């Protein structure tokens, strides 16, 4: 669990990664990543809002289906959202160990 959370700190401002990418890097499943992020008690320390679906859709935030807070945080980071999606070609970050 701590490995997944620590990897979040590597994602730079203005970039996002996907549940699948994070799972691959942490050697776990995307569902496990989702569960870990849902239970993240320190979202300021571990920026789980930077993790989105592989389709570019926003997804939930801290276990809540409503993504308004997540969208606000992404926009604050300079990430544009169009039709409820992030342009992964522009904003995707591949986590390198």
PDB file of N, CA and C in Angstrom:
ATOM      1  N   UNK A   1       0.818  -1.196   0.000  1.00  0.00           N
ATOM      2  CA  UNK A   1       0.000   0.000   0.000  1.00  0.00           C
ATOM      3  C   UNK A   1       0.859   1.257   0.000  1.00  0.00           C
ATOM      4  N   UNK A   2       1.850   1.311   0.875  1.00  0.00           N
ATOM      5  CA  UNK A   2       2.681   2.509   0.964  1.00  0.00           C
ATOM      6  C   UNK A   2       3.432   2.748  -0.332  1.00  0.00           C
ATOM      7  N   UNK A   3       3.767   1.682  -1.066  1.00  0.00           N
ATOM      8  CA  UNK A   3       4.452   1.820  -2.340  1.00  0.00           C
ATOM      9  C   UNK A   3       3.596   2.605  -3.328  1.00  0.00           C
ATOM     10  N   UNK A   4       2.326   2.286  -3.414  1.00  0.00           N
ATOM     11  CA  UNK A   4       1.405   2.987  -4.316  1.00  0.00           C
ATOM     12  C   UNK A   4       1.327   4.457  -3.921  1.00  0.00           C
ATOM     13  N   UNK A   5       1.148   4.727  -2.643  1.00  0.00           N
ATOM     14  CA  UNK A   5       1.038   6.108  -2.188  1.00  0.00           C
ATOM     15  C   UNK A   5       2.331   6.886  -2.435  1.00  0.00           C
ATOM     16  N   UNK A   6       3.453   6.277  -2.193  1.00  0.00           N
ATOM     17  CA  UNK A   6       4.731   6.959  -2.427  1.00  0.00           C
ATOM     18  C   UNK A   6       4.932   7.278  -3.913  1.00  0.00           C
ATOM     19  N   UNK A   7       4.467   6.397  -4.781  1.00  0.00           N
ATOM     20  CA  UNK A   7       4.589   6.647  -6.219  1.00  0.00           C
ATOM     21  C   UNK A   7       3.809   7.889  -6.648  1.00  0.00           C
ATOM     22  N   UNK A   8       2.725   8.205  -5.952  1.00  0.00           N
ATOM     23  CA  UNK A   8       1.935   9.391  -6.282  1.00  0.00           C
ATOM     24  C   UNK A   8       2.766  10.665  -6.192  1.00  0.00           C
ATOM     25  N   UNK A   9       3.717  10.691  -5.276  1.00  0.00           N
ATOM     26  CA  UNK A   9       4.545  11.885  -5.085  1.00  0.00           C
ATOM     27  C   UNK A   9       5.463  12.147  -6.284  1.00  0.00           C
ATOM     28  N   UNK A  10       5.662  11.156  -7.130  1.00  0.00           N
ATOM     29  CA  UNK A  10       6.539  11.309  -8.293  1.00  0.00           C
ATOM     30  C   UNK A  10       5.848  12.000  -9.479  1.00  0.00           C
ATOM     31  N   UNK A  11       4.548  12.086  -9.432  1.00  0.00           N
ATOM     32  CA  UNK A  11       3.800  12.674 -10.543  1.00  0.00           C
ATOM     33  C   UNK A  11       3.929  14.195 -10.447  1.00  0.00           C
ATOM     34  N   UNK A  12       4.551  14.825 -11.441  1.00  0.00           N
ATOM     35  CA  UNK A  12       4.766  16.273 -11.355  1.00  0.00           C
ATOM     36  C   UNK A  12       3.474  17.077 -11.536  1.00  0.00           C
ATOM     37  N   UNK A  13       3.548  18.320 -11.101  1.00  0.00           N
ATOM     38  CA  UNK A  13       2.424  19.243 -11.290  1.00  0.00           C
ATOM     39  C   UNK A  13       2.115  19.338 -12.780  1.00  0.00           C
ATOM     40  N   UNK A  14       0.837  19.338 -13.109  1.00  0.00           N
ATOM     41  CA  UNK A  14       0.426  19.447 -14.503  1.00  0.00           C
ATOM     42  C   UNK A  14       0.401  18.131 -15.251  1.00  0.00           C
ATOM     43  N   UNK A  15       0.580  17.026 -14.537  1.00  0.00           N
ATOM     44  CA  UNK A  15       0.570  15.701 -15.153  1.00  0.00           C
ATOM     45  C   UNK A  15      -0.355  14.767 -14.374  1.00  0.00           C
ATOM     46  N   UNK A  16      -0.815  13.723 -15.053  1.00  0.00           N
ATOM     47  CA  UNK A  16      -1.642  12.677 -14.440  1.00  0.00           C
ATOM     48  C   UNK A  16      -1.105  11.319 -14.862  1.00  0.00           C
ATOM     49  N   UNK A  17      -1.519  10.305 -14.154  1.00  0.00           N
ATOM     50  CA  UNK A  17      -1.253   8.939 -14.576  1.00  0.00           C
ATOM     51  C   UNK A  17      -2.568   8.175 -14.477  1.00  0.00           C
ATOM     52  N   UNK A  18      -2.556   6.926 -14.889  1.00  0.00           N
ATOM     53  CA  UNK A  18      -3.773   6.121 -14.854  1.00  0.00           C
ATOM     54  C   UNK A  18      -3.667   5.052 -13.766  1.00  0.00           C
ATOM     55  N   UNK A  19      -4.829   4.520 -13.410  1.00  0.00           N
ATOM     56  CA  UNK A  19      -4.850   3.429 -12.432  1.00  0.00           C
ATOM     57  C   UNK A  19      -4.001   2.262 -12.938  1.00  0.00           C
ATOM     58  N   UNK A  20      -4.113   1.961 -14.219  1.00  0.00           N
ATOM     59  CA  UNK A  20      -3.360   0.851 -14.797  1.00  0.00           C
ATOM     60  C   UNK A  20      -1.862   1.076 -14.775  1.00  0.00           C
ATOM     61  N   UNK A  21      -1.444   2.275 -15.124  1.00  0.00           N
ATOM     62  CA  UNK A  21      -0.011   2.608 -15.109  1.00  0.00           C
ATOM     63  C   UNK A  21       0.544   2.543 -13.696  1.00  0.00           C
ATOM     64  N   UNK A  22      -0.186   3.094 -12.760  1.00  0.00           N
ATOM     65  CA  UNK A  22       0.242   3.057 -11.367  1.00  0.00           C
ATOM     66  C   UNK A  22       0.310   1.616 -10.864  1.00  0.00           C
ATOM     67  N   UNK A  23      -0.671   0.818 -11.239  1.00  0.00           N
ATOM     68  CA  UNK A  23      -0.696  -0.594 -10.837  1.00  0.00           C
ATOM     69  C   UNK A  23       0.491  -1.354 -11.417  1.00  0.00           C
ATOM     70  N   UNK A  24       0.780  -1.114 -12.696  1.00  0.00           N
ATOM     71  CA  UNK A  24       1.899  -1.803 -13.342  1.00  0.00           C
ATOM     72  C   UNK A  24       3.217  -1.456 -12.648  1.00  0.00           C
ATOM     73  N   UNK A  25       3.408  -0.190 -12.341  1.00  0.00           N
ATOM     74  CA  UNK A  25       4.642   0.250 -11.684  1.00  0.00           C
ATOM     75  C   UNK A  25       4.746  -0.323 -10.274  1.00  0.00           C
ATOM     76  N   UNK A  26       3.622  -0.380  -9.569  1.00  0.00           N
ATOM     77  CA  UNK A  26       3.613  -0.883  -8.185  1.00  0.00           C
ATOM     78  C   UNK A  26       3.491  -2.400  -8.118  1.00  0.00           C
ATOM     79  N   UNK A  27       3.343  -3.033  -9.283  1.00  0.00           N
ATOM     80  CA  UNK A  27       3.190  -4.495  -9.370  1.00  0.00           C
ATOM     81  C   UNK A  27       1.980  -4.999  -8.586  1.00  0.00           C
ATOM     82  N   UNK A  28       0.855  -4.374  -8.892  1.00  0.00           N
ATOM     83  CA  UNK A  28      -0.411  -4.786  -8.296  1.00  0.00           C
ATOM     84  C   UNK A  28      -1.497  -4.612  -9.359  1.00  0.00           C
ATOM     85  N   UNK A  29      -2.748  -4.720  -8.978  1.00  0.00           N
ATOM     86  CA  UNK A  29      -3.842  -4.597  -9.943  1.00  0.00           C
ATOM     87  C   UNK A  29      -4.457  -3.192  -9.896  1.00  0.00           C
ATOM     88  N   UNK A  30      -5.080  -2.760 -10.996  1.00  0.00           N
ATOM     89  CA  UNK A  30      -5.767  -1.469 -10.967  1.00  0.00           C
ATOM     90  C   UNK A  30      -6.853  -1.394  -9.898  1.00  0.00           C
ATOM     91  N   UNK A  31      -7.538  -2.503  -9.655  1.00  0.00           N
ATOM     92  CA  UNK A  31      -8.564  -2.513  -8.601  1.00  0.00           C
ATOM     93  C   UNK A  31      -7.937  -2.289  -7.225  1.00  0.00           C
ATOM     94  N   UNK A  32      -6.786  -2.898  -6.999  1.00  0.00           N
ATOM     95  CA  UNK A  32      -6.095  -2.698  -5.720  1.00  0.00           C
ATOM     96  C   UNK A  32      -5.674  -1.237  -5.577  1.00  0.00           C
ATOM     97  N   UNK A  33      -5.205  -0.643  -6.660  1.00  0.00           N
ATOM     98  CA  UNK A  33      -4.835   0.778  -6.639  1.00  0.00           C
ATOM     99  C   UNK A  33      -6.055   1.617  -6.271  1.00  0.00           C
ATOM    100  N   UNK A  34      -7.186   1.338  -6.914  1.00  0.00           N
ATOM    101  CA  UNK A  34      -8.411   2.070  -6.612  1.00  0.00           C
ATOM    102  C   UNK A  34      -8.799   1.973  -5.145  1.00  0.00           C
ATOM    103  N   UNK A  35      -8.677   0.800  -4.579  1.00  0.00           N
ATOM    104  CA  UNK A  35      -9.003   0.591  -3.164  1.00  0.00           C
ATOM    105  C   UNK A  35      -8.050   1.383  -2.267  1.00  0.00           C
ATOM    106  N   UNK A  36      -6.777   1.342  -2.598  1.00  0.00           N
ATOM    107  CA  UNK A  36      -5.779   2.090  -1.812  1.00  0.00           C
ATOM    108  C   UNK A  36      -6.070   3.586  -1.872  1.00  0.00           C
ATOM    109  N   UNK A  37      -6.340   4.092  -3.075  1.00  0.00           N
ATOM    110  CA  UNK A  37      -6.603   5.523  -3.222  1.00  0.00           C
ATOM    111  C   UNK A  37      -7.911   5.920  -2.536  1.00  0.00           C
ATOM    112  N   UNK A  38      -8.899   5.055  -2.595  1.00  0.00           N
ATOM    113  CA  UNK A  38     -10.175   5.323  -1.933  1.00  0.00           C
ATOM    114  C   UNK A  38      -9.984   5.498  -0.436  1.00  0.00           C
ATOM    115  N   UNK A  39      -9.018   4.773   0.126  1.00  0.00           N
ATOM    116  CA  UNK A  39      -8.765   4.825   1.561  1.00  0.00           C
ATOM    117  C   UNK A  39      -7.627   5.767   1.946  1.00  0.00           C
ATOM    118  N   UNK A  40      -7.169   6.570   1.010  1.00  0.00           N
ATOM    119  CA  UNK A  40      -6.094   7.530   1.263  1.00  0.00           C
ATOM    120  C   UNK A  40      -6.570   8.566   2.291  1.00  0.00           C
ATOM    121  N   UNK A  41      -5.971   8.564   3.444  1.00  0.00           N
ATOM    122  CA  UNK A  41      -6.358   9.484   4.517  1.00  0.00           C
ATOM    123  C   UNK A  41      -5.573  10.794   4.478  1.00  0.00           C
ATOM    124  N   UNK A  42      -4.576  10.872   3.590  1.00  0.00           N
ATOM    125  CA  UNK A  42      -3.752  12.081   3.503  1.00  0.00           C
ATOM    126  C   UNK A  42      -3.643  12.553   2.049  1.00  0.00           C
ATOM    127  N   UNK A  43      -4.764  12.998   1.457  1.00  0.00           N
ATOM    128  CA  UNK A  43      -4.721  13.385   0.045  1.00  0.00           C
ATOM    129  C   UNK A  43      -3.833  14.601  -0.251  1.00  0.00           C
ATOM    130  N   UNK A  44      -3.534  15.422   0.758  1.00  0.00           N
ATOM    131  CA  UNK A  44      -2.614  16.529   0.536  1.00  0.00           C
ATOM    132  C   UNK A  44      -1.178  16.019   0.402  1.00  0.00           C
ATOM    133  N   UNK A  45      -0.849  14.974   1.140  1.00  0.00           N
ATOM    134  CA  UNK A  45       0.491  14.381   1.099  1.00  0.00           C
ATOM    135  C   UNK A  45       0.640  13.430  -0.076  1.00  0.00           C
ATOM    136  N   UNK A  46      -0.413  12.658  -0.348  1.00  0.00           N
ATOM    137  CA  UNK A  46      -0.413  11.676  -1.435  1.00  0.00           C
ATOM    138  C   UNK A  46      -1.493  12.085  -2.441  1.00  0.00           C
ATOM    139  N   UNK A  47      -1.115  12.819  -3.492  1.00  0.00           N
ATOM    140  CA  UNK A  47      -2.089  13.438  -4.409  1.00  0.00           C
ATOM    141  C   UNK A  47      -2.812  12.455  -5.334  1.00  0.00           C
ATOM    142  N   UNK A  48      -3.781  11.767  -4.760  1.00  0.00           N
ATOM    143  CA  UNK A  48      -4.519  10.753  -5.514  1.00  0.00           C
ATOM    144  C   UNK A  48      -5.401  11.347  -6.611  1.00  0.00           C
ATOM    145  N   UNK A  49      -5.642  12.655  -6.576  1.00  0.00           N
ATOM    146  CA  UNK A  49      -6.436  13.282  -7.637  1.00  0.00           C
ATOM    147  C   UNK A  49      -5.738  13.223  -8.992  1.00  0.00           C
ATOM    148  N   UNK A  50      -4.441  12.928  -9.006  1.00  0.00           N
ATOM    149  CA  UNK A  50      -3.668  12.856 -10.245  1.00  0.00           C
ATOM    150  C   UNK A  50      -3.795  11.517 -10.959  1.00  0.00           C
ATOM    151  N   UNK A  51      -4.634  10.620 -10.447  1.00  0.00           N
ATOM    152  CA  UNK A  51      -4.842   9.303 -11.043  1.00  0.00           C
ATOM    153  C   UNK A  51      -6.225   9.270 -11.676  1.00  0.00           C
ATOM    154  N   UNK A  52      -6.261   8.962 -12.973  1.00  0.00           N
ATOM    155  CA  UNK A  52      -7.520   8.950 -13.719  1.00  0.00           C
ATOM    156  C   UNK A  52      -7.667   7.633 -14.463  1.00  0.00           C
ATOM    157  N   UNK A  53      -8.810   7.457 -15.094  1.00  0.00           N
ATOM    158  CA  UNK A  53      -9.067   6.238 -15.861  1.00  0.00           C
ATOM    159  C   UNK A  53      -8.260   6.245 -17.162  1.00  0.00           C
ATOM    160  N   UNK A  54      -7.986   5.071 -17.692  1.00  0.00           N
ATOM    161  CA  UNK A  54      -7.201   4.959 -18.934  1.00  0.00           C
ATOM    162  C   UNK A  54      -7.934   5.552 -20.135  1.00  0.00           C
ATOM    163  N   UNK A  55      -9.222   5.788 -20.007  1.00  0.00           N
ATOM    164  CA  UNK A  55     -10.000   6.436 -21.068  1.00  0.00           C
ATOM    165  C   UNK A  55      -9.857   7.951 -21.026  1.00  0.00           C
ATOM    166  N   UNK A  56      -9.207   8.464 -19.983  1.00  0.00           N
ATOM    167  CA  UNK A  56      -9.082   9.903 -19.790  1.00  0.00           C
ATOM    168  C   UNK A  56     -10.171  10.467 -18.894  1.00  0.00           C
ATOM    169  N   UNK A  57     -11.179   9.639 -18.576  1.00  0.00           N
ATOM    170  CA  UNK A  57     -12.242  10.092 -17.677  1.00  0.00           C
ATOM    171  C   UNK A  57     -11.672  10.327 -16.281  1.00  0.00           C
ATOM    172  N   UNK A  58     -12.292  11.234 -15.562  1.00  0.00           N
ATOM    173  CA  UNK A  58     -11.776  11.672 -14.271  1.00  0.00           C
ATOM    174  C   UNK A  58     -11.843  10.598 -13.195  1.00  0.00           C
ATOM    175  N   UNK A  59     -12.973   9.942 -13.032  1.00  0.00           N
ATOM    176  CA  UNK A  59     -13.127   8.956 -11.963  1.00  0.00           C
ATOM    177  C   UNK A  59     -13.437   9.643 -10.644  1.00  0.00           C
ATOM    178  N   UNK A  60     -13.448   8.886  -9.576  1.00  0.00           N
ATOM    179  CA  UNK A  60     -13.795   9.408  -8.259  1.00  0.00           C
ATOM    180  C   UNK A  60     -12.622  10.041  -7.543  1.00  0.00           C
ATOM    181  N   UNK A  61     -12.903  10.533  -6.355  1.00  0.00           N
ATOM    182  CA  UNK A  61     -11.868  11.178  -5.541  1.00  0.00           C
ATOM    183  C   UNK A  61     -12.099  10.840  -4.078  1.00  0.00           C
ATOM    184  N   UNK A  62     -11.131  10.228  -3.458  1.00  0.00           N
ATOM    185  CA  UNK A  62     -11.185   9.854  -2.037  1.00  0.00           C
ATOM    186  C   UNK A  62     -12.426   9.030  -1.704  1.00  0.00           C
ATOM    187  N   UNK A  63     -12.776   8.130  -2.600  1.00  0.00           N
ATOM    188  CA  UNK A  63     -13.893   7.235  -2.353  1.00  0.00           C
ATOM    189  C   UNK A  63     -15.260   7.807  -2.656  1.00  0.00           C
ATOM    190  N   UNK A  64     -15.298   9.003  -3.240  1.00  0.00           N
ATOM    191  CA  UNK A  64     -16.575   9.653  -3.549  1.00  0.00           C
ATOM    192  C   UNK A  64     -16.753   9.694  -5.063  1.00  0.00           C
ATOM    193  N   UNK A  65     -17.901   9.270  -5.537  1.00  0.00           N
ATOM    194  CA  UNK A  65     -18.165   9.245  -6.976  1.00  0.00           C
ATOM    195  C   UNK A  65     -18.196  10.655  -7.568  1.00  0.00           C
ATOM    196  N   UNK A  66     -18.622  11.635  -6.790  1.00  0.00           N
ATOM    197  CA  UNK A  66     -18.684  13.013  -7.255  1.00  0.00           C
ATOM    198  C   UNK A  66     -17.262  13.528  -7.475  1.00  0.00           C
ATOM    199  N   UNK A  67     -16.960  13.979  -8.678  1.00  0.00           N
ATOM    200  CA  UNK A  67     -15.590  14.345  -9.013  1.00  0.00           C
ATOM    201  C   UNK A  67     -15.347  15.855  -9.068  1.00  0.00           C
ATOM    202  N   UNK A  68     -16.278  16.668  -8.564  1.00  0.00           N
ATOM    203  CA  UNK A  68     -16.089  18.129  -8.618  1.00  0.00           C
ATOM    204  C   UNK A  68     -14.794  18.578  -7.946  1.00  0.00           C
ATOM    205  N   UNK A  69     -14.508  18.040  -6.780  1.00  0.00           N
ATOM    206  CA  UNK A  69     -13.279  18.406  -6.054  1.00  0.00           C
ATOM    207  C   UNK A  69     -12.049  17.982  -6.864  1.00  0.00           C
ATOM    208  N   UNK A  70     -12.093  16.797  -7.435  1.00  0.00           N
ATOM    209  CA  UNK A  70     -10.976  16.293  -8.228  1.00  0.00           C
ATOM    210  C   UNK A  70     -10.746  17.179  -9.456  1.00  0.00           C
ATOM    211  N   UNK A  71     -11.821  17.557 -10.114  1.00  0.00           N
ATOM    212  CA  UNK A  71     -11.718  18.432 -11.289  1.00  0.00           C
ATOM    213  C   UNK A  71     -11.099  19.774 -10.892  1.00  0.00           C
ATOM    214  N   UNK A  72     -11.525  20.327  -9.769  1.00  0.00           N
ATOM    215  CA  UNK A  72     -10.974  21.604  -9.299  1.00  0.00           C
ATOM    216  C   UNK A  72      -9.474  21.491  -9.039  1.00  0.00           C
ATOM    217  N   UNK A  73      -9.044  20.394  -8.429  1.00  0.00           N
ATOM    218  CA  UNK A  73      -7.618  20.188  -8.153  1.00  0.00           C
ATOM    219  C   UNK A  73      -6.822  20.014  -9.446  1.00  0.00           C
ATOM    220  N   UNK A  74      -7.371  19.274 -10.399  1.00  0.00           N
ATOM    221  CA  UNK A  74      -6.687  19.090 -11.681  1.00  0.00           C
ATOM    222  C   UNK A  74      -6.549  20.424 -12.413  1.00  0.00           C
ATOM    223  N   UNK A  75      -7.613  21.206 -12.423  1.00  0.00           N
ATOM    224  CA  UNK A  75      -7.561  22.523 -13.079  1.00  0.00           C
ATOM    225  C   UNK A  75      -6.558  23.445 -12.394  1.00  0.00           C
ATOM    226  N   UNK A  76      -6.493  23.370 -11.075  1.00  0.00           N
ATOM    227  CA  UNK A  76      -5.523  24.175 -10.322  1.00  0.00           C
ATOM    228  C   UNK A  76      -4.100  23.810 -10.723  1.00  0.00           C
ATOM    229  N   UNK A  77      -3.895  22.552 -11.081  1.00  0.00           N
ATOM    230  CA  UNK A  77      -2.586  22.069 -11.547  1.00  0.00           C
ATOM    231  C   UNK A  77      -2.311  22.451 -13.007  1.00  0.00           C
ATOM    232  N   UNK A  78      -3.296  23.073 -13.665  1.00  0.00           N
ATOM    233  CA  UNK A  78      -3.108  23.473 -15.051  1.00  0.00           C
ATOM    234  C   UNK A  78      -3.532  22.428 -16.068  1.00  0.00           C
ATOM    235  N   UNK A  79      -4.281  21.444 -15.627  1.00  0.00           N
ATOM    236  CA  UNK A  79      -4.728  20.372 -16.511  1.00  0.00           C
ATOM    237  C   UNK A  79      -6.114  20.715 -17.060  1.00  0.00           C
ATOM    238  N   UNK A  80      -6.212  20.778 -18.373  1.00  0.00           N
ATOM    239  CA  UNK A  80      -7.484  21.090 -19.022  1.00  0.00           C
ATOM    240  C   UNK A  80      -8.372  19.850 -19.052  1.00  0.00           C
ATOM    241  N   UNK A  81      -9.654  20.068 -18.842  1.00  0.00           N
ATOM    242  CA  UNK A  81     -10.639  18.989 -18.880  1.00  0.00           C
ATOM    243  C   UNK A  81     -11.693  19.376 -19.906  1.00  0.00           C
ATOM    244  N   UNK A  82     -11.876  18.497 -20.875  1.00  0.00           N
ATOM    245  CA  UNK A  82     -12.847  18.758 -21.942  1.00  0.00           C
ATOM    246  C   UNK A  82     -13.803  17.581 -22.025  1.00  0.00           C
ATOM    247  N   UNK A  83     -15.086  17.864 -21.948  1.00  0.00           N
ATOM    248  CA  UNK A  83     -16.120  16.821 -21.989  1.00  0.00           C
ATOM    249  C   UNK A  83     -15.882  15.741 -20.934  1.00  0.00           C
ATOM    250  N   UNK A  84     -15.436  16.167 -19.760  1.00  0.00           N
ATOM    251  CA  UNK A  84     -15.226  15.237 -18.658  1.00  0.00           C
ATOM    252  C   UNK A  84     -13.991  14.365 -18.776  1.00  0.00           C
ATOM    253  N   UNK A  85     -13.087  14.730 -19.693  1.00  0.00           N
ATOM    254  CA  UNK A  85     -11.880  13.919 -19.905  1.00  0.00           C
ATOM    255  C   UNK A  85     -10.618  14.775 -19.927  1.00  0.00           C
ATOM    256  N   UNK A  86      -9.513  14.116 -19.625  1.00  0.00           N
ATOM    257  CA  UNK A  86      -8.184  14.708 -19.708  1.00  0.00           C
ATOM    258  C   UNK A  86      -7.516  14.159 -20.962  1.00  0.00           C
ATOM    259  N   UNK A  87      -6.838  15.004 -21.689  1.00  0.00           N
ATOM    260  CA  UNK A  87      -6.099  14.590 -22.882  1.00  0.00           C
ATOM    261  C   UNK A  87      -4.818  13.875 -22.432  1.00  0.00           C
ATOM    262  N   UNK A  88      -4.840  12.549 -22.492  1.00  0.00           N
ATOM    263  CA  UNK A  88      -3.692  11.771 -22.020  1.00  0.00           C
ATOM    264  C   UNK A  88      -2.453  11.971 -22.889  1.00  0.00           C
ATOM    265  N   UNK A  89      -2.630  12.281 -24.152  1.00  0.00           N
ATOM    266  CA  UNK A  89      -1.457  12.535 -25.002  1.00  0.00           C
ATOM    267  C   UNK A  89      -0.682  13.755 -24.512  1.00  0.00           C
ATOM    268  N   UNK A  90      -1.380  14.680 -23.927  1.00  0.00           N
ATOM    269  CA  UNK A  90      -0.751  15.918 -23.446  1.00  0.00           C
ATOM    270  C   UNK A  90      -0.318  15.836 -21.984  1.00  0.00           C
ATOM    271  N   UNK A  91      -1.128  15.205 -21.138  1.00  0.00           N
ATOM    272  CA  UNK A  91      -0.899  15.284 -19.693  1.00  0.00           C
ATOM    273  C   UNK A  91      -0.435  13.987 -19.024  1.00  0.00           C
ATOM    274  N   UNK A  92      -0.352  12.893 -19.762  1.00  0.00           N
ATOM    275  CA  UNK A  92       0.019  11.607 -19.163  1.00  0.00           C
ATOM    276  C   UNK A  92       1.470  11.608 -18.693  1.00  0.00           C
ATOM    277  N   UNK A  93       1.699  11.029 -17.521  1.00  0.00           N
ATOM    278  CA  UNK A  93       3.047  10.879 -16.972  1.00  0.00           C
ATOM    279  C   UNK A  93       3.305   9.402 -16.693  1.00  0.00           C
ATOM    280  N   UNK A  94       4.345   8.879 -17.306  1.00  0.00           N
ATOM    281  CA  UNK A  94       4.758   7.497 -17.075  1.00  0.00           C
ATOM    282  C   UNK A  94       5.715   7.486 -15.897  1.00  0.00           C
ATOM    283  N   UNK A  95       5.342   6.800 -14.857  1.00  0.00           N
ATOM    284  CA  UNK A  95       6.167   6.745 -13.651  1.00  0.00           C
ATOM    285  C   UNK A  95       7.363   5.841 -13.908  1.00  0.00           C
ATOM    286  N   UNK A  96       8.540   6.397 -13.697  1.00  0.00           N
ATOM    287  CA  UNK A  96       9.780   5.647 -13.895  1.00  0.00           C
ATOM    288  C   UNK A  96      10.451   5.475 -12.538  1.00  0.00           C
ATOM    289  N   UNK A  97      10.808   4.230 -12.238  1.00  0.00           N
ATOM    290  CA  UNK A  97      11.480   3.959 -10.952  1.00  0.00           C
ATOM    291  C   UNK A  97      12.968   4.177 -11.063  1.00  0.00           C
TER     292      UNK A  97
END
